[in-house]
Amino acid sequence: MQEIDMIAKAFNDAIFFHAFFMYFMPLPFIINLYTLFTQKDYIKINRKIWFVMPMIFFLITVAFFSGIFVMAMQHFVIDSRVFLMIVGVLFIFIGEIFRIKKLKIAKTKESLMIKYLKYCKILYIIDLLFCISIYFAVKF
C-alpha cells in the first residue's frame, strides 16, 4: 500500500513540475511581442529577441523531457490533450528554427528585415494563442 502511495506522489510531483514550468511558456512570447511592437531600431529588436531565445529553447526542452517522463508514468498513453501539447511544442520549436533561418537572410536587406519582423509578430501571436489554448484545453 505504501508503494502505491509513493507512485501516486511521484506522478503528482511530475505533473506539478511539468505544469509549473509550462506556466512560464507564454512569457518569452509576451516579451518578444512587446519588443516587436515598441522598438523601432532593428538592431535593438534583434538583440532583445536573441536574448530571449535561450529561454524559449529552455522551456521547450523542459516541456519535452518532463512531458516524456509524465507520459512514461502513464505508459505512453496519448489522448487528445497530450497530442495537443506535443503539437504545440513541435510548432514552437520548428517556428523558432525557421525564424532563425529567416533572420540570417533578413540581415542583408531592409525590405527583407521588414518582412522578417512581420513574420515574427505573426509567429509569436500564434505561439502565444497556442499556449493559452493548450492551457484552457487541459484545464477544462
Protein backbone atom coordinates (compact mmCIF):
# COMPACT_ATOMS: atom_id res chain seq x y z
CA MET A 1 0.00 0.00 0.00
CA GLN A 2 2.83 2.37 0.82
CA GLU A 3 4.40 1.67 -2.58
CA ILE A 4 1.20 2.70 -4.37
CA ASP A 5 1.10 5.94 -2.37
CA MET A 6 4.71 6.69 -3.31
CA ILE A 7 3.99 6.05 -7.01
CA ALA A 8 0.95 8.34 -6.87
CA LYS A 9 3.02 11.03 -5.12
CA ALA A 10 5.79 10.74 -7.72
CA PHE A 11 3.23 11.04 -10.52
CA ASN A 12 1.61 14.10 -8.93
CA ASP A 13 5.03 15.69 -8.39
CA ALA A 14 5.97 15.06 -12.04
CA ILE A 15 2.75 16.68 -13.25
CA PHE A 16 3.30 19.63 -10.90
CA PHE A 17 6.88 20.09 -12.19
CA HIS A 18 5.69 19.93 -15.80
CA ALA A 19 2.78 22.32 -15.23
CA PHE A 20 4.86 24.75 -13.14
CA PHE A 21 7.37 25.35 -15.92
CA MET A 22 4.72 25.42 -18.62
CA TYR A 23 3.02 28.34 -16.89
CA PHE A 24 6.13 30.33 -17.89
CA MET A 25 5.88 29.29 -21.56
CA PRO A 26 3.89 32.39 -22.72
CA LEU A 27 6.34 34.79 -21.02
CA PRO A 28 9.03 34.86 -23.77
CA PHE A 29 6.37 35.40 -26.43
CA ILE A 30 4.90 38.31 -24.48
CA ILE A 31 8.37 39.82 -24.07
CA ASN A 32 9.15 39.41 -27.77
CA LEU A 33 5.80 40.82 -28.86
CA TYR A 34 6.29 43.82 -26.58
CA THR A 35 9.73 44.34 -28.12
CA LEU A 36 8.45 43.97 -31.67
CA PHE A 37 5.63 46.48 -31.18
CA THR A 38 7.54 49.08 -29.14
CA GLN A 39 11.08 49.13 -30.59
CA LYS A 40 11.81 50.64 -33.98
CA ASP A 41 15.56 50.03 -34.23
CA TYR A 42 16.30 46.72 -35.98
CA ILE A 43 19.49 46.09 -34.04
CA LYS A 44 17.78 46.54 -30.66
CA ILE A 45 14.89 44.32 -31.71
CA ASN A 46 17.19 41.52 -32.84
CA ARG A 47 19.34 41.83 -29.74
CA LYS A 48 16.35 41.55 -27.40
CA ILE A 49 14.78 38.67 -29.34
CA TRP A 50 18.16 36.93 -29.40
CA PHE A 51 18.43 37.42 -25.63
CA VAL A 52 15.01 35.79 -25.04
CA MET A 53 15.66 32.88 -27.42
CA PRO A 54 17.53 30.69 -24.87
CA MET A 55 14.54 30.98 -22.53
CA ILE A 56 12.26 29.68 -25.29
CA PHE A 57 14.53 26.73 -26.02
CA PHE A 58 14.93 26.02 -22.30
CA LEU A 59 11.16 25.89 -21.83
CA ILE A 60 10.76 23.70 -24.93
CA THR A 61 13.37 21.32 -23.52
CA VAL A 62 11.71 21.21 -20.11
CA ALA A 63 8.34 20.62 -21.78
CA PHE A 64 9.78 17.80 -23.86
CA PHE A 65 11.64 15.93 -21.13
CA SER A 66 9.11 16.41 -18.34
CA GLY A 67 6.35 15.51 -20.79
CA ILE A 68 8.16 12.30 -21.76
CA PHE A 69 8.58 11.49 -18.07
CA VAL A 70 4.87 12.03 -17.35
CA MET A 71 3.92 10.02 -20.45
CA ALA A 72 6.18 7.17 -19.32
CA MET A 73 4.42 7.12 -15.96
CA GLN A 74 1.13 6.83 -17.88
CA HIS A 75 2.55 4.00 -20.05
CA PHE A 76 2.75 6.30 -23.10
CA VAL A 77 -1.00 6.64 -23.50
CA ILE A 78 -1.66 9.58 -25.82
CA ASP A 79 -5.05 11.24 -25.54
CA SER A 80 -6.21 14.43 -27.25
CA ARG A 81 -4.72 16.71 -24.58
CA VAL A 82 -1.30 15.08 -24.80
CA PHE A 83 -1.46 15.20 -28.60
CA LEU A 84 -2.28 18.92 -28.45
CA MET A 85 0.71 19.53 -26.16
CA ILE A 86 3.04 17.59 -28.48
CA VAL A 87 1.82 19.56 -31.50
CA GLY A 88 2.24 22.82 -29.56
CA VAL A 89 5.83 22.11 -28.54
CA LEU A 90 6.75 20.97 -32.05
CA PHE A 91 5.12 24.05 -33.60
CA ILE A 92 7.02 26.40 -31.29
CA PHE A 93 10.31 24.55 -31.85
CA ILE A 94 10.00 24.45 -35.65
CA GLY A 95 8.80 28.07 -35.73
CA GLU A 96 11.89 29.21 -33.82
CA ILE A 97 14.20 27.30 -36.16
CA PHE A 98 12.56 28.90 -39.21
CA ARG A 99 12.73 32.31 -37.51
CA ILE A 100 16.49 31.95 -37.01
CA LYS A 101 16.96 30.89 -40.65
CA LYS A 102 14.87 33.84 -41.85
CA LEU A 103 16.92 36.21 -39.69
CA LYS A 104 20.15 35.14 -41.39
CA ILE A 105 18.69 36.09 -44.76
CA ALA A 106 16.84 39.19 -43.50
CA LYS A 107 20.04 40.82 -42.24
CA THR A 108 21.06 41.51 -45.83
CA LYS A 109 18.31 43.97 -46.88
CA GLU A 110 15.94 46.32 -45.12
CA SER A 111 12.94 45.09 -47.13
CA LEU A 112 13.69 41.52 -46.01
CA MET A 113 14.04 42.74 -42.42
CA ILE A 114 10.58 44.31 -42.56
CA LYS A 115 9.13 41.01 -43.82
CA TYR A 116 11.05 39.16 -41.10
CA LEU A 117 9.62 41.39 -38.37
CA LYS A 118 6.11 40.85 -39.72
CA TYR A 119 6.78 37.08 -39.69
CA CYS A 120 7.99 37.33 -36.08
CA LYS A 121 4.87 39.19 -34.99
CA ILE A 122 2.60 36.60 -36.59
CA LEU A 123 4.66 33.69 -35.23
CA TYR A 124 4.71 34.99 -31.66
CA ILE A 125 0.99 35.84 -31.68
CA ILE A 126 0.22 32.30 -32.88
CA ASP A 127 2.61 30.83 -30.29
CA LEU A 128 1.00 32.86 -27.51
CA LEU A 129 -2.51 31.88 -28.59
CA PHE A 130 -1.41 28.25 -28.84
CA CYS A 131 -0.02 28.33 -25.28
CA ILE A 132 -3.20 29.89 -23.93
CA SER A 133 -5.44 27.46 -25.82
CA ILE A 134 -3.43 24.48 -24.54
CA TYR A 135 -3.78 25.81 -21.01
CA PHE A 136 -7.57 26.07 -21.32
CA ALA A 137 -7.87 22.73 -23.15
CA VAL A 138 -6.01 20.95 -20.37
CA LYS A 139 -7.81 22.72 -17.52
CA PHE A 140 -11.35 22.26 -18.81
